[in-house]
Amino acid sequence: MRIGVDLCNTIANINAMLVMKFTRLSLTRYPDPEIPEGFFHTTEGLELLSKAQPFPWAAGTLRFLASAGHEIIYLTSRPVLAAGLTREWLAVNSFPRGTLMFLPRGFKALFARYYGIEWFFEDDPLEALRLNDVVSRVFVKIWPYNLGVQGPGIRKFISWREIMLLIVPGGLVKSRCWQAI
């Protein structure tokens, strides 16, 4: 099975860095207009991406999925300029190897349909809703800005530990039983 994984605020806690940088940032809006256009193309923006902490259990959960034979594809709206630091961040933080794709916001569903992605981990409300029409399951990392996102294939989660508990012995990967969730 192919699994799509967003980076920012799904496996990397960019929001924690942003609220320290932009004091009027609101996590109820996405994207927040407080973040200047092109910020992540700047040296300061790229440094912020490189220093973000991974969410606990994210790397281990994705390593488990990869070791079970699933293909991990990282899809991000980061600028291509961040390719090197993103690859380094994934390696330093022990994420499994996988394809790394840079796409403009709004194009993940098109990519997922074309490449046969079955599961997707995402936080962006727009992307999650579009992906819900394409993949069998969208796991949405909960943030205030995406609380209203709903759909038949959407499962929200707070911690990556919840995902690990779903997929190990008797969970989704082994049984593929969606009724269990």
C-alpha atoms as a PDB file:
ATOM      1  CA  MET A   1       0.000   0.000   0.000  1.00  0.00           C
ATOM      2  CA  ARG A   2       1.180   3.528  -0.758  1.00  0.00           C
ATOM      3  CA  ILE A   3       0.919   6.003   2.105  1.00  0.00           C
ATOM      4  CA  GLY A   4       1.096   9.768   1.657  1.00  0.00           C
ATOM      5  CA  VAL A   5       2.514  11.836   4.494  1.00  0.00           C
ATOM      6  CA  ASP A   6       2.399  15.602   4.809  1.00  0.00           C
ATOM      7  CA  LEU A   7       5.311  17.178   6.686  1.00  0.00           C
ATOM      8  CA  CYS A   8       4.449  20.523   8.259  1.00  0.00           C
ATOM      9  CA  ASN A   9       2.204  20.185  11.314  1.00  0.00           C
ATOM     10  CA  THR A  10       1.588  16.522  10.558  1.00  0.00           C
ATOM     11  CA  ILE A  11       4.998  15.040  11.423  1.00  0.00           C
ATOM     12  CA  ALA A  12       6.943  18.283  12.082  1.00  0.00           C
ATOM     13  CA  ASN A  13       5.626  20.735  14.670  1.00  0.00           C
ATOM     14  CA  ILE A  14       6.036  23.924  12.637  1.00  0.00           C
ATOM     15  CA  ASN A  15       3.181  25.626  14.508  1.00  0.00           C
ATOM     16  CA  ALA A  16       5.167  25.601  17.767  1.00  0.00           C
ATOM     17  CA  MET A  17       7.934  27.526  16.016  1.00  0.00           C
ATOM     18  CA  LEU A  18       5.525  29.905  14.275  1.00  0.00           C
ATOM     19  CA  VAL A  19       3.698  30.959  17.454  1.00  0.00           C
ATOM     20  CA  MET A  20       7.049  31.949  18.965  1.00  0.00           C
ATOM     21  CA  LYS A  21       7.997  33.947  15.858  1.00  0.00           C
ATOM     22  CA  PHE A  22       4.649  35.612  15.097  1.00  0.00           C
ATOM     23  CA  THR A  23       3.041  36.786  18.335  1.00  0.00           C
ATOM     24  CA  ARG A  24      -0.374  37.473  16.763  1.00  0.00           C
ATOM     25  CA  LEU A  25      -0.577  34.131  14.974  1.00  0.00           C
ATOM     26  CA  SER A  26      -3.908  32.371  15.340  1.00  0.00           C
ATOM     27  CA  LEU A  27      -4.119  28.615  14.995  1.00  0.00           C
ATOM     28  CA  THR A  28      -7.822  28.928  14.155  1.00  0.00           C
ATOM     29  CA  ARG A  29      -7.068  30.117  10.596  1.00  0.00           C
ATOM     30  CA  TYR A  30      -5.183  28.247   7.904  1.00  0.00           C
ATOM     31  CA  PRO A  31      -3.063  29.553   6.457  1.00  0.00           C
ATOM     32  CA  ASP A  32      -2.808  32.416   8.918  1.00  0.00           C
ATOM     33  CA  PRO A  33      -2.374  35.799   7.209  1.00  0.00           C
ATOM     34  CA  GLU A  34       0.111  36.764   9.943  1.00  0.00           C
ATOM     35  CA  ILE A  35       2.739  34.666   8.108  1.00  0.00           C
ATOM     36  CA  PRO A  36       4.106  36.841   5.286  1.00  0.00           C
ATOM     37  CA  GLU A  37       3.835  35.550   1.724  1.00  0.00           C
ATOM     38  CA  GLY A  38       7.098  33.799   0.817  1.00  0.00           C
ATOM     39  CA  PHE A  39       8.298  33.540   4.441  1.00  0.00           C
ATOM     40  CA  PHE A  40       9.455  29.934   3.957  1.00  0.00           C
ATOM     41  CA  HIS A  41      11.602  31.021   0.990  1.00  0.00           C
ATOM     42  CA  THR A  42      13.684  33.210   3.310  1.00  0.00           C
ATOM     43  CA  THR A  43      16.730  32.174   5.320  1.00  0.00           C
ATOM     44  CA  GLU A  44      14.734  32.670   8.511  1.00  0.00           C
ATOM     45  CA  GLY A  45      11.836  30.580   7.217  1.00  0.00           C
ATOM     46  CA  LEU A  46      14.104  27.764   6.078  1.00  0.00           C
ATOM     47  CA  GLU A  47      15.873  27.787   9.441  1.00  0.00           C
ATOM     48  CA  LEU A  48      12.502  27.505  11.186  1.00  0.00           C
ATOM     49  CA  LEU A  49      11.654  24.423   9.081  1.00  0.00           C
ATOM     50  CA  SER A  50      14.974  22.797   9.924  1.00  0.00           C
ATOM     51  CA  LYS A  51      14.619  23.370  13.680  1.00  0.00           C
ATOM     52  CA  ALA A  52      11.058  22.099  14.109  1.00  0.00           C
ATOM     53  CA  GLN A  53      10.651  19.123  16.402  1.00  0.00           C
ATOM     54  CA  PRO A  54       9.042  15.910  15.154  1.00  0.00           C
ATOM     55  CA  PHE A  55       5.854  14.792  16.849  1.00  0.00           C
ATOM     56  CA  PRO A  56       6.419  11.902  19.260  1.00  0.00           C
ATOM     57  CA  TRP A  57       5.669   8.483  17.755  1.00  0.00           C
ATOM     58  CA  ALA A  58       5.521   9.846  14.175  1.00  0.00           C
ATOM     59  CA  ALA A  59       8.865   8.424  13.024  1.00  0.00           C
ATOM     60  CA  GLY A  60       8.336   5.107  14.795  1.00  0.00           C
ATOM     61  CA  THR A  61       4.846   4.698  13.361  1.00  0.00           C
ATOM     62  CA  LEU A  62       6.028   5.394   9.832  1.00  0.00           C
ATOM     63  CA  ARG A  63       9.054   3.094  10.289  1.00  0.00           C
ATOM     64  CA  PHE A  64       6.653   0.347  11.380  1.00  0.00           C
ATOM     65  CA  LEU A  65       4.492   0.885   8.291  1.00  0.00           C
ATOM     66  CA  ALA A  66       7.564   0.874   6.037  1.00  0.00           C
ATOM     67  CA  SER A  67       8.886  -2.313   7.668  1.00  0.00           C
ATOM     68  CA  ALA A  68       5.495  -3.941   7.000  1.00  0.00           C
ATOM     69  CA  GLY A  69       6.145  -3.346   3.286  1.00  0.00           C
ATOM     70  CA  HIS A  70       4.209  -0.122   2.751  1.00  0.00           C
ATOM     71  CA  GLU A  71       5.640   2.612   0.557  1.00  0.00           C
ATOM     72  CA  ILE A  72       5.974   6.003   2.245  1.00  0.00           C
ATOM     73  CA  ILE A  73       5.671   9.110   0.062  1.00  0.00           C
ATOM     74  CA  TYR A  74       6.282  12.470   1.719  1.00  0.00           C
ATOM     75  CA  LEU A  75       4.301  15.277   0.075  1.00  0.00           C
ATOM     76  CA  THR A  76       4.801  18.882   1.085  1.00  0.00           C
ATOM     77  CA  SER A  77       3.951  22.410   0.042  1.00  0.00           C
ATOM     78  CA  ARG A  78       7.331  23.591   1.284  1.00  0.00           C
ATOM     79  CA  PRO A  79       9.399  25.413  -1.322  1.00  0.00           C
ATOM     80  CA  VAL A  80      11.679  23.186  -3.398  1.00  0.00           C
ATOM     81  CA  LEU A  81      14.459  25.349  -1.981  1.00  0.00           C
ATOM     82  CA  ALA A  82      13.940  23.355   1.244  1.00  0.00           C
ATOM     83  CA  ALA A  83      14.644  19.967  -0.387  1.00  0.00           C
ATOM     84  CA  GLY A  84      18.085  19.412   1.122  1.00  0.00           C
ATOM     85  CA  LEU A  85      17.204  20.501   4.642  1.00  0.00           C
ATOM     86  CA  THR A  86      13.962  18.486   4.490  1.00  0.00           C
ATOM     87  CA  ARG A  87      15.804  15.300   3.496  1.00  0.00           C
ATOM     88  CA  GLU A  88      18.323  15.934   6.259  1.00  0.00           C
ATOM     89  CA  TRP A  89      15.539  16.626   8.811  1.00  0.00           C
ATOM     90  CA  LEU A  90      13.803  13.349   7.919  1.00  0.00           C
ATOM     91  CA  ALA A  91      17.066  11.379   8.255  1.00  0.00           C
ATOM     92  CA  VAL A  92      18.230  13.057  11.486  1.00  0.00           C
ATOM     93  CA  ASN A  93      14.830  12.417  13.056  1.00  0.00           C
ATOM     94  CA  SER A  94      14.836   8.730  12.021  1.00  0.00           C
ATOM     95  CA  PHE A  95      11.945   8.824   9.570  1.00  0.00           C
ATOM     96  CA  PRO A  96      11.934   5.978   7.054  1.00  0.00           C
ATOM     97  CA  ARG A  97      13.244   6.553   3.583  1.00  0.00           C
ATOM     98  CA  GLY A  98      10.635   7.489   1.052  1.00  0.00           C
ATOM     99  CA  THR A  99       9.963   9.575  -1.999  1.00  0.00           C
ATOM    100  CA  LEU A 100       9.876  13.320  -1.282  1.00  0.00           C
ATOM    101  CA  MET A 101       7.542  15.405  -3.460  1.00  0.00           C
ATOM    102  CA  PHE A 102       7.084  19.184  -3.479  1.00  0.00           C
ATOM    103  CA  LEU A 103       3.644  20.287  -4.653  1.00  0.00           C
ATOM    104  CA  PRO A 104       1.747  23.563  -4.577  1.00  0.00           C
ATOM    105  CA  ARG A 105      -1.104  23.689  -2.074  1.00  0.00           C
ATOM    106  CA  GLY A 106      -4.202  22.019  -3.478  1.00  0.00           C
ATOM    107  CA  PHE A 107      -2.440  19.395  -5.623  1.00  0.00           C
ATOM    108  CA  LYS A 108      -2.030  16.490  -3.192  1.00  0.00           C
ATOM    109  CA  ALA A 109      -5.328  14.834  -4.165  1.00  0.00           C
ATOM    110  CA  LEU A 110      -4.388  14.886  -7.844  1.00  0.00           C
ATOM    111  CA  PHE A 111      -1.028  13.300  -7.037  1.00  0.00           C
ATOM    112  CA  ALA A 112      -2.660  10.737  -4.712  1.00  0.00           C
ATOM    113  CA  ARG A 113      -5.152   9.703  -7.402  1.00  0.00           C
ATOM    114  CA  TYR A 114      -2.493   9.389 -10.100  1.00  0.00           C
ATOM    115  CA  TYR A 115      -0.060   7.404  -7.919  1.00  0.00           C
ATOM    116  CA  GLY A 116      -2.593   5.176  -6.159  1.00  0.00           C
ATOM    117  CA  ILE A 117      -2.080   6.406  -2.616  1.00  0.00           C
ATOM    118  CA  GLU A 118      -4.501   4.631  -0.262  1.00  0.00           C
ATOM    119  CA  TRP A 119      -3.856   6.351   3.081  1.00  0.00           C
ATOM    120  CA  PHE A 120      -2.847   9.936   3.690  1.00  0.00           C
ATOM    121  CA  PHE A 121      -1.692  11.773   6.829  1.00  0.00           C
ATOM    122  CA  GLU A 122      -2.492  15.501   6.610  1.00  0.00           C
ATOM    123  CA  ASP A 123      -3.398  18.600   8.646  1.00  0.00           C
ATOM    124  CA  ASP A 124      -4.418  21.163   5.991  1.00  0.00           C
ATOM    125  CA  PRO A 125      -8.256  21.345   5.932  1.00  0.00           C
ATOM    126  CA  LEU A 126      -8.427  22.017   2.173  1.00  0.00           C
ATOM    127  CA  GLU A 127      -6.090  19.139   1.337  1.00  0.00           C
ATOM    128  CA  ALA A 128      -7.860  16.744   3.738  1.00  0.00           C
ATOM    129  CA  LEU A 129     -11.268  17.403   2.183  1.00  0.00           C
ATOM    130  CA  ARG A 130      -9.956  16.948  -1.343  1.00  0.00           C
ATOM    131  CA  LEU A 131      -8.056  13.799  -0.368  1.00  0.00           C
ATOM    132  CA  ASN A 132     -11.213  12.349   1.202  1.00  0.00           C
ATOM    133  CA  ASP A 133     -12.641  11.984  -2.316  1.00  0.00           C
ATOM    134  CA  VAL A 134      -9.555  10.130  -3.566  1.00  0.00           C
ATOM    135  CA  VAL A 135      -7.972   7.908  -0.902  1.00  0.00           C
ATOM    136  CA  SER A 136      -9.550   5.246   1.319  1.00  0.00           C
ATOM    137  CA  ARG A 137      -8.511   6.933   4.585  1.00  0.00           C
ATOM    138  CA  VAL A 138      -7.320  10.420   5.520  1.00  0.00           C
ATOM    139  CA  PHE A 139      -5.789  10.684   8.967  1.00  0.00           C
ATOM    140  CA  VAL A 140      -6.023  14.322  10.050  1.00  0.00           C
ATOM    141  CA  LYS A 141      -3.649  15.595  12.758  1.00  0.00           C
ATOM    142  CA  ILE A 142      -5.926  17.770  14.877  1.00  0.00           C
ATOM    143  CA  TRP A 143      -5.328  21.512  15.092  1.00  0.00           C
ATOM    144  CA  PRO A 144      -7.839  24.288  15.909  1.00  0.00           C
ATOM    145  CA  TYR A 145      -7.944  25.258  12.209  1.00  0.00           C
ATOM    146  CA  ASN A 146      -9.142  21.825  11.049  1.00  0.00           C
ATOM    147  CA  LEU A 147     -11.668  20.858  13.738  1.00  0.00           C
ATOM    148  CA  GLY A 148     -14.591  21.237  11.317  1.00  0.00           C
ATOM    149  CA  VAL A 149     -13.123  18.889   8.709  1.00  0.00           C
ATOM    150  CA  GLN A 150     -15.363  15.849   8.336  1.00  0.00           C
ATOM    151  CA  GLY A 151     -15.962  13.113   5.824  1.00  0.00           C
ATOM    152  CA  PRO A 152     -16.609   9.392   5.552  1.00  0.00           C
ATOM    153  CA  GLY A 153     -12.920   8.546   5.089  1.00  0.00           C
ATOM    154  CA  ILE A 154     -11.527  11.030   7.601  1.00  0.00           C
ATOM    155  CA  ARG A 155     -10.169   9.936  10.965  1.00  0.00           C
ATOM    156  CA  LYS A 156      -8.811  12.624  13.271  1.00  0.00           C
ATOM    157  CA  PHE A 157      -5.981  12.024  15.705  1.00  0.00           C
ATOM    158  CA  ILE A 158      -4.203  14.012  18.374  1.00  0.00           C
ATOM    159  CA  SER A 159      -1.128  11.855  18.865  1.00  0.00           C
ATOM    160  CA  TRP A 160       0.777   9.556  16.540  1.00  0.00           C
ATOM    161  CA  ARG A 161       0.585   7.017  19.353  1.00  0.00           C
ATOM    162  CA  GLU A 162      -3.120   6.630  18.501  1.00  0.00           C
ATOM    163  CA  ILE A 163      -2.136   5.630  14.968  1.00  0.00           C
ATOM    164  CA  MET A 164       0.445   3.151  16.223  1.00  0.00           C
ATOM    165  CA  LEU A 165      -2.181   1.523  18.437  1.00  0.00           C
ATOM    166  CA  LEU A 166      -4.500   1.183  15.430  1.00  0.00           C
ATOM    167  CA  ILE A 167      -1.963  -0.526  13.196  1.00  0.00           C
ATOM    168  CA  VAL A 168      -0.026  -2.927  15.416  1.00  0.00           C
ATOM    169  CA  PRO A 169      -1.135  -6.463  16.209  1.00  0.00           C
ATOM    170  CA  GLY A 170      -4.721  -6.867  15.166  1.00  0.00           C
ATOM    171  CA  GLY A 171      -5.002  -3.270  13.971  1.00  0.00           C
ATOM    172  CA  LEU A 172      -5.667  -1.870  10.521  1.00  0.00           C
ATOM    173  CA  VAL A 173      -2.506  -2.897   8.712  1.00  0.00           C
ATOM    174  CA  LYS A 174      -2.876  -6.516   9.713  1.00  0.00           C
ATOM    175  CA  SER A 175      -6.639  -6.960   9.366  1.00  0.00           C
ATOM    176  CA  ARG A 176      -7.550  -4.093   7.042  1.00  0.00           C
ATOM    177  CA  CYS A 177     -10.810  -3.999   8.956  1.00  0.00           C
ATOM    178  CA  TRP A 178     -12.079  -0.434   8.783  1.00  0.00           C
ATOM    179  CA  GLN A 179     -15.098  -1.292  10.944  1.00  0.00           C
ATOM    180  CA  ALA A 180     -12.694  -1.440  13.894  1.00  0.00           C
ATOM    181  CA  ILE A 181     -12.339   2.330  13.710  1.00  0.00           C
END
